[in-house]
Protein backbone atom coordinates (compact mmCIF):
# COMPACT_ATOMS: atom_id res chain seq x y z
CA MET A 1 -10.10 -9.61 23.76
CA ALA A 2 -9.57 -5.88 24.10
CA HIS A 3 -12.10 -3.57 22.82
CA ARG A 4 -11.28 0.20 21.93
CA SER A 5 -14.06 2.57 20.51
CA VAL A 6 -14.93 6.03 19.99
CA ARG A 7 -18.33 7.70 19.74
CA TRP A 8 -19.63 7.71 16.32
CA GLN A 9 -22.81 9.03 14.77
CA PRO A 10 -24.08 6.92 12.01
CA ARG A 11 -24.87 9.36 9.44
CA GLY A 12 -23.52 12.83 8.74
CA LEU A 13 -20.06 12.22 10.71
CA LEU A 14 -18.04 10.01 8.50
CA LEU A 15 -15.71 13.11 8.41
CA ALA A 16 -14.36 11.94 11.98
CA VAL A 17 -13.66 8.63 10.87
CA ALA A 18 -10.22 9.58 9.49
CA LEU A 19 -9.28 10.07 13.40
CA ALA A 20 -11.23 7.32 14.97
CA ILE A 21 -10.04 3.82 16.01
CA SER A 22 -12.29 0.94 16.97
CA ALA A 23 -11.40 -2.68 16.79
CA CYS A 24 -11.47 -6.21 18.61
CA GLY A 25 -8.08 -7.66 18.95
CA GLU A 26 -4.67 -6.14 19.25
CA PRO A 27 -2.92 -4.18 16.11
CA VAL A 28 -0.72 -6.14 13.84
CA SER A 29 1.73 -5.44 11.34
CA THR A 30 0.35 -5.19 8.12
CA GLN A 31 0.77 -7.64 4.95
CA ALA A 32 1.55 -7.10 1.35
CA VAL A 33 -1.53 -7.16 -0.75
CA ASP A 34 -1.93 -6.90 -4.83
CA ASP A 35 -2.25 -3.17 -5.60
CA SER A 36 -3.17 -3.72 -9.33
CA GLY A 37 -6.57 -2.05 -8.71
CA LEU A 38 -5.29 1.36 -7.78
CA GLY A 39 -8.88 2.87 -6.72
CA ARG A 40 -8.54 5.89 -8.74
CA THR A 41 -11.80 5.40 -10.84
CA PRO A 42 -15.16 4.39 -9.59
CA ASP A 43 -14.86 1.51 -11.91
CA ASP A 44 -11.39 -0.07 -10.59
CA PRO A 45 -12.24 -3.37 -9.54
CA GLY A 46 -10.20 -3.22 -6.67
CA LEU A 47 -12.48 -0.20 -5.21
CA ALA A 48 -15.15 -0.77 -3.04
CA LEU A 49 -17.48 2.26 -3.27
CA ALA A 50 -20.63 2.68 -0.91
CA CYS A 51 -23.05 5.28 -1.68
CA TRP A 52 -25.12 6.32 1.14
CA ASP A 53 -28.54 8.11 0.14
CA VAL A 54 -26.84 9.45 -2.90
CA ASP A 55 -27.46 8.26 -6.21
CA GLU A 56 -24.99 6.52 -8.47
CA ASP A 57 -24.28 9.59 -10.89
CA GLN A 58 -23.72 12.10 -8.00
CA CYS A 59 -21.71 9.11 -5.73
CA ARG A 60 -19.31 8.72 -8.83
CA GLN A 61 -19.26 12.57 -9.14
CA ALA A 62 -18.10 13.24 -5.64
CA PHE A 63 -15.37 10.39 -5.66
CA THR A 64 -13.91 11.36 -9.05
CA GLU A 65 -13.58 14.93 -7.76
CA VAL A 66 -12.08 13.91 -4.39
CA ILE A 67 -9.55 11.67 -6.48
CA ARG A 68 -8.50 15.11 -8.30
CA ILE A 69 -7.79 16.44 -4.91
CA LEU A 70 -5.49 13.75 -3.87
CA PRO A 71 -1.78 13.57 -5.04
CA ALA A 72 -1.60 11.51 -8.43
CA ASP A 73 0.99 9.38 -7.15
CA GLY A 74 -0.64 8.74 -3.72
CA PRO A 75 -1.13 5.02 -2.61
CA PRO A 76 -3.82 2.60 -4.01
CA ILE A 77 -7.60 3.21 -2.45
CA VAL A 78 -9.47 0.09 -1.70
CA ALA A 79 -12.65 1.65 -0.02
CA ALA A 80 -14.77 4.82 -0.24
CA SER A 81 -18.07 5.97 1.12
CA VAL A 82 -20.15 8.94 -0.14
CA VAL A 83 -22.51 9.87 2.47
CA ALA A 84 -25.46 12.07 2.37
CA PHE A 85 -26.21 13.96 5.70
CA GLY A 86 -29.61 12.95 7.31
CA CYS A 87 -32.95 14.99 7.72
CA ASP A 88 -35.46 15.39 10.60
CA ASN A 89 -38.40 14.24 8.47
CA LEU A 90 -37.91 10.53 7.36
CA PRO A 91 -37.55 9.45 4.50
CA CYS A 92 -34.92 11.74 3.49
CA ALA A 93 -34.56 12.78 -0.37
CA LYS A 94 -31.37 11.33 -1.82
CA GLY A 95 -28.30 13.51 -2.55
CA LEU A 96 -25.88 15.93 -1.23
CA GLY A 97 -28.71 18.82 -1.11
CA ARG A 98 -28.04 18.91 2.67
CA GLY A 99 -24.50 18.31 2.61
CA GLY A 100 -22.61 15.27 3.25
CA SER A 101 -19.14 13.75 3.31
CA VAL A 102 -16.73 11.66 1.66
CA SER A 103 -14.13 9.34 2.98
CA VAL A 104 -11.20 7.05 1.39
CA GLU A 105 -9.39 4.45 2.83
CA TYR A 106 -5.85 3.55 1.71
CA ALA A 107 -4.90 -0.09 0.65
CA ASN A 108 -3.37 -2.22 3.61
CA GLY A 109 -4.14 -0.08 6.47
CA GLY A 110 -2.42 2.76 4.91
CA GLY A 111 -4.87 5.48 6.37
CA LEU A 112 -7.81 7.34 5.92
CA HIS A 113 -8.85 10.77 4.47
CA ALA A 114 -12.20 12.53 4.67
CA TRP A 115 -13.91 15.50 3.36
CA SER A 116 -17.17 17.43 4.02
CA VAL A 117 -19.01 18.18 0.95
CA SER A 118 -22.15 20.44 0.03
CA ALA A 119 -23.97 20.68 -3.50
CA ALA A 120 -24.90 23.96 -5.33
CA GLU A 121 -28.17 24.15 -7.11
CA ASP A 122 -26.02 23.60 -10.46
CA GLY A 123 -24.96 20.40 -9.12
CA SER A 124 -21.17 21.47 -8.52
CA LEU A 125 -19.50 20.18 -5.33
CA THR A 126 -17.67 21.90 -2.71
CA PHE A 127 -15.35 20.09 -0.53
CA GLY A 128 -14.23 21.16 3.14
CA ASP A 129 -10.87 20.90 4.50
CA HIS A 130 -9.69 17.31 4.66
CA SER A 131 -8.94 15.40 7.66
CA THR A 132 -6.16 13.04 7.70
CA GLY A 133 -5.54 10.02 10.09
CA LEU A 134 -3.44 7.17 10.17
CA PRO A 135 -4.77 5.03 12.76
CA GLU A 136 -3.39 1.44 13.75
CA ALA A 137 -4.09 -1.25 11.08
CA PHE A 138 -5.81 -4.44 12.22
CA LEU A 139 -5.85 -7.80 10.19
CA PRO A 140 -8.82 -10.09 10.19
CA GLU A 141 -9.01 -12.84 12.75
CA SER A 142 -11.81 -15.07 11.14
CA PRO A 143 -11.43 -18.45 9.70
CA ARG A 144 -12.00 -19.49 6.33
CA LEU A 145 -15.80 -20.50 5.65
CA GLY A 146 -16.52 -24.20 5.01
CA ARG A 147 -19.60 -23.38 3.19
CA ARG A 148 -21.12 -20.70 0.98
CA VAL A 149 -23.81 -19.36 3.23
CA ILE A 150 -24.13 -18.74 6.97
CA ASP A 151 -25.95 -16.96 9.54
CA PHE A 152 -24.45 -13.47 10.32
CA SER A 153 -25.29 -10.50 12.23
CA PHE A 154 -23.94 -6.98 12.23
CA GLY A 155 -22.43 -5.72 15.38
CA HIS A 156 -24.06 -2.93 17.13
CA CYS A 157 -23.01 0.06 14.43
CA GLY A 158 -24.31 -2.22 11.59
CA LEU A 159 -22.27 -1.59 8.37
CA SER A 160 -19.79 0.55 10.50
CA SER A 161 -18.70 -2.43 12.86
CA PRO A 162 -16.07 -4.52 11.38
CA ILE A 163 -17.42 -7.33 9.01
CA ASP A 164 -14.93 -10.19 9.40
CA VAL A 165 -16.04 -13.45 7.73
CA ASP A 166 -14.00 -15.95 5.66
CA GLY A 167 -10.49 -14.45 6.50
CA SER A 168 -11.26 -11.06 5.51
CA PHE A 169 -12.76 -7.55 6.08
CA TRP A 170 -15.77 -6.84 3.85
CA ASP A 171 -16.44 -3.24 2.56
CA PRO A 172 -20.08 -2.27 1.61
CA ILE A 173 -20.45 -1.51 -2.08
CA GLY A 174 -22.96 0.25 -4.13
CA PRO A 175 -26.31 1.72 -2.72
CA VAL A 176 -26.96 1.74 0.94
CA ASP A 177 -30.26 2.97 2.35
CA SER A 178 -29.29 5.08 5.55
CA ASP A 179 -32.95 5.18 6.56
CA ALA A 180 -32.82 1.26 7.29
CA PRO A 181 -32.42 0.42 11.01
CA ASP A 182 -30.46 -2.96 9.57
CA ALA A 183 -28.07 -0.21 8.64
CA ILE A 184 -26.89 1.47 11.23
CA ASN A 185 -27.74 -1.27 14.10
CA SER A 186 -26.85 -4.61 14.81
CA SER A 187 -29.18 -6.97 12.70
CA ILE A 188 -29.38 -10.93 12.10
CA GLY A 189 -29.40 -12.40 8.69
CA THR A 190 -27.11 -14.39 6.23
CA PHE A 191 -23.99 -14.00 4.74
CA SER A 192 -23.67 -15.11 1.22
CA LEU A 193 -20.37 -15.54 -0.87
CA VAL A 194 -21.41 -14.99 -4.42
CA GLY A 195 -17.85 -14.75 -5.95
CA PRO A 196 -14.16 -15.12 -4.73
CA SER A 197 -14.28 -11.34 -3.67
CA ASP A 198 -17.88 -10.48 -3.60
CA ALA A 199 -21.01 -11.35 -0.94
CA VAL A 200 -24.43 -10.27 0.17
CA PHE A 201 -25.73 -9.63 3.38
CA THR A 202 -29.48 -10.09 3.75
CA SER A 203 -31.33 -9.51 7.14
CA LYS A 204 -34.19 -11.19 8.48
CA THR A 205 -36.18 -7.89 7.51
CA GLY A 206 -35.10 -7.87 3.88
CA PHE A 207 -32.58 -5.30 4.22
CA THR A 208 -29.68 -6.41 1.68
CA VAL A 209 -26.23 -4.96 1.04
CA HIS A 210 -23.64 -6.00 -1.36
CA LEU A 211 -19.93 -6.42 0.21
CA ARG A 212 -16.52 -6.72 -1.49
CA ARG A 213 -13.58 -8.54 0.14
CA HIS A 214 -11.06 -6.39 1.95
CA GLN A 215 -7.75 -7.56 0.95
CA GLY A 216 -5.02 -7.41 4.07
CA ALA A 217 -5.12 -4.98 6.82
CA ARG A 218 -7.39 -2.01 7.39
CA ASN A 219 -8.08 1.01 9.29
CA LEU A 220 -11.41 0.09 11.18
CA GLN A 221 -13.90 3.13 11.63
CA GLY A 222 -14.91 4.54 15.15
CA CYS A 223 -18.11 3.42 16.54
CA ALA A 224 -19.78 3.29 20.05
């Protein structure tokens, strides 16, 4: 099984993800998927929006402003991340005051966009030049599960490693604690299906993250 990777740092450099490729297996042709969830608002059911050390209000604000930058007739968006840059002294305060990044992924492996973002004292956001990438799309390789809960471990880049379970990739959704070692490193725990398109990963140390099923092919993030 071939493996390709590029160097990636877990926090603050998601802007580079649009140009990075990392995957197990050979690239394959994409498959048609349901585009009913256009991912143009934070509440769209087809969108997995992850907020890395950013509170919900600012996370939704950053995503909404990014959507205004993109062409209105652009392809559906299935996953997005709003990430606050790290700090020298843990734990870091939440929010984009130190700067951060926003990235979006188009449906069915259609490409990635990312921006740097900074916040002013009045809460307004400024976005840097966006980077655009169209890395190869990959399909999941896992078999369908025979039970609701299984033992599972993240790859060595944590949530940035491909999560391939039950015949699908999975994207983090909701709040993510970047200070948690299990979020950015290999960790062992359980993967629990809580619905047709929703799951929860709980590590042995108690770290928990909610996941949403990624329909069809995807562009995998760079990881080293």
